[in-house]
Amino acid sequence: MKTLIIDATGEKILLGLILDKNIYTGTYINSKKNYDRLIILINKFILKYKTKLEKIKRIYVNRGPGSYAGIRNSLSIVKAIHMSKKIDYYAYSHLDLKHKKKNLDYQWNLKNLGELPNLCNKFNIKKNLIKPIYLS
C-alpha cells in the first residue's frame, strides 16, 4: 500500500513515503518559505520515487503539539488532498502514541517512521478526524 507521512511540527519538515515494503524519507528546513510551498515539496518528493499523489492510499499527518504554522499548513493541505483526491488521512499525535507505549520516547525520526501506520492501527487512531494540538 502506498502511504504518505507528513510531519511539519518540529525543527524540520519530515516527509515519509511507504511503497509496499520500501520506506523513503526526506527532510526540509522548517521555514515560512517551505510552509508556503509545502504541497510543491510533497509533489516533488513523491515524484522522486516515481509515484503520483493519485496512487497514495493513506496519509498520516502529525497534528501536534508543535509549530502552529506547520500544523495549520500541513492539516490544510491534507484536508484539501482528501477533498480533491478522496484519500483517507489519519491525524496522529506523538503524545497519543507516547502515552499508549509508556516506556518509549516517540519523537519520530527517519529510523522509526515506518512504524507509524502499524501503531496508528494498533491504537485505533481514527481516520478523517483532526483535533490539532498547538503549543502556546
Protein backbone atom coordinates (compact mmCIF):
# COMPACT_ATOMS: atom_id res chain seq x y z
CA MET A 1 0.00 0.00 0.00
CA LYS A 2 1.26 3.48 -0.85
CA THR A 3 1.33 5.72 2.22
CA LEU A 4 2.45 9.31 2.74
CA ILE A 5 3.54 10.67 6.13
CA ILE A 6 3.76 14.42 6.83
CA ASP A 7 5.22 15.94 9.99
CA ALA A 8 5.71 19.72 9.97
CA THR A 9 5.56 20.22 13.74
CA GLY A 10 9.26 20.29 14.62
CA GLU A 11 12.52 21.89 13.61
CA LYS A 12 12.35 20.21 10.20
CA ILE A 13 9.55 19.21 7.87
CA LEU A 14 9.66 15.43 7.69
CA LEU A 15 8.11 13.53 4.79
CA GLY A 16 7.86 9.78 4.51
CA LEU A 17 6.68 7.57 1.70
CA ILE A 18 5.95 3.89 2.16
CA LEU A 19 5.76 1.99 -1.13
CA ASP A 20 4.95 -1.63 -0.41
CA LYS A 21 7.88 -2.66 1.83
CA ASN A 22 10.20 0.24 0.97
CA ILE A 23 10.36 3.36 3.12
CA TYR A 24 11.69 6.65 1.75
CA THR A 25 12.19 9.78 3.80
CA GLY A 26 13.10 13.40 3.26
CA THR A 27 13.60 16.44 5.43
CA TYR A 28 13.29 20.12 4.63
CA ILE A 29 14.12 23.28 6.51
CA ASN A 30 11.24 24.40 8.71
CA SER A 31 10.73 27.91 7.37
CA LYS A 32 7.91 30.19 6.26
CA LYS A 33 9.05 29.78 2.66
CA ASN A 34 8.71 26.00 2.86
CA TYR A 35 5.33 26.21 4.60
CA ASP A 36 4.10 28.35 1.74
CA ARG A 37 5.22 25.74 -0.76
CA LEU A 38 4.59 22.56 1.22
CA ILE A 39 2.38 20.99 -1.46
CA ILE A 40 5.15 21.59 -4.01
CA LEU A 41 7.67 19.86 -1.70
CA ILE A 42 5.28 16.94 -1.25
CA ASN A 43 4.72 16.57 -5.00
CA LYS A 44 8.46 16.72 -5.78
CA PHE A 45 9.16 14.19 -3.01
CA ILE A 46 6.53 11.76 -4.33
CA LEU A 47 7.66 12.15 -7.96
CA LYS A 48 11.27 11.47 -6.93
CA TYR A 49 10.18 7.90 -6.14
CA LYS A 50 8.21 7.51 -9.38
CA THR A 51 4.72 7.67 -7.98
CA LYS A 52 1.87 10.19 -8.06
CA LEU A 53 -0.43 11.67 -5.46
CA GLU A 54 -3.35 9.80 -7.06
CA LYS A 55 -1.61 6.49 -6.21
CA ILE A 56 -1.42 7.25 -2.47
CA LYS A 57 -4.00 5.30 -0.44
CA ARG A 58 -3.43 6.83 3.02
CA ILE A 59 -1.88 9.94 4.51
CA TYR A 60 -0.67 10.25 8.10
CA VAL A 61 -0.23 13.80 9.40
CA ASN A 62 1.13 14.92 12.76
CA ARG A 63 -1.44 17.15 14.46
CA GLY A 64 0.91 18.35 17.19
CA PRO A 65 1.99 19.53 19.57
CA GLY A 66 4.39 21.79 17.76
CA SER A 67 4.68 24.72 15.43
CA TYR A 68 1.37 26.49 14.86
CA ALA A 69 2.22 27.39 11.25
CA GLY A 70 3.49 23.90 10.49
CA ILE A 71 0.41 22.20 11.93
CA ARG A 72 -2.02 24.62 10.30
CA ASN A 73 -0.44 24.31 6.85
CA SER A 74 0.03 20.55 6.88
CA LEU A 75 -3.53 19.92 8.11
CA SER A 76 -4.94 22.29 5.50
CA ILE A 77 -3.05 20.55 2.72
CA VAL A 78 -4.13 17.10 3.89
CA LYS A 79 -7.79 18.19 4.07
CA ALA A 80 -7.54 19.64 0.54
CA ILE A 81 -5.98 16.42 -0.77
CA HIS A 82 -8.72 14.41 0.93
CA MET A 83 -11.45 16.55 -0.60
CA SER A 84 -9.98 16.55 -4.11
CA LYS A 85 -8.49 13.03 -4.35
CA LYS A 86 -10.62 11.16 -1.78
CA ILE A 87 -7.53 9.87 0.04
CA ASP A 88 -8.13 8.86 3.66
CA TYR A 89 -5.96 10.52 6.28
CA TYR A 90 -5.07 9.84 9.89
CA ALA A 91 -4.11 12.70 12.22
CA TYR A 92 -1.81 11.31 14.90
CA SER A 93 -0.03 12.96 17.81
CA HIS A 94 3.28 11.98 19.36
CA LEU A 95 1.54 12.37 22.72
CA ASP A 96 -1.17 9.83 21.85
CA LEU A 97 1.37 7.21 20.88
CA LYS A 98 3.78 8.04 23.70
CA HIS A 99 1.08 7.64 26.39
CA LYS A 100 -0.01 4.31 24.96
CA LYS A 101 3.54 2.92 24.70
CA LYS A 102 4.72 4.20 28.06
CA ASN A 103 8.39 3.21 28.01
CA LEU A 104 9.16 4.55 24.55
CA ASP A 105 10.02 8.09 23.51
CA TYR A 106 8.23 8.58 20.22
CA GLN A 107 9.98 11.58 18.80
CA TRP A 108 9.82 10.48 15.20
CA ASN A 109 12.91 10.37 13.14
CA LEU A 110 14.00 8.77 9.91
CA LYS A 111 14.66 5.40 11.59
CA ASN A 112 11.21 4.66 13.04
CA LEU A 113 8.92 6.43 10.59
CA GLY A 114 7.82 3.14 9.00
CA GLU A 115 6.27 2.01 12.30
CA LEU A 116 3.69 4.80 12.27
CA PRO A 117 0.88 3.15 10.22
CA ASN A 118 1.01 -0.01 12.35
CA LEU A 119 0.94 1.98 15.61
CA CYS A 120 -1.97 4.14 14.43
CA ASN A 121 -3.86 0.98 13.51
CA LYS A 122 -2.97 -0.74 16.79
CA PHE A 123 -4.08 2.22 18.90
CA ASN A 124 -7.21 2.86 16.82
CA ILE A 125 -6.32 6.33 15.55
CA LYS A 126 -9.48 7.49 13.77
CA LYS A 127 -9.41 8.31 10.09
CA ASN A 128 -10.56 11.65 8.68
CA LEU A 129 -10.63 13.28 12.13
CA ILE A 130 -8.42 16.22 13.11
CA LYS A 131 -8.06 17.85 16.53
CA PRO A 132 -4.89 19.98 16.42
CA ILE A 133 -2.65 20.43 19.47
CA TYR A 134 -0.84 23.77 19.30
CA LEU A 135 1.96 24.84 21.62
CA SER A 136 1.19 28.15 23.23
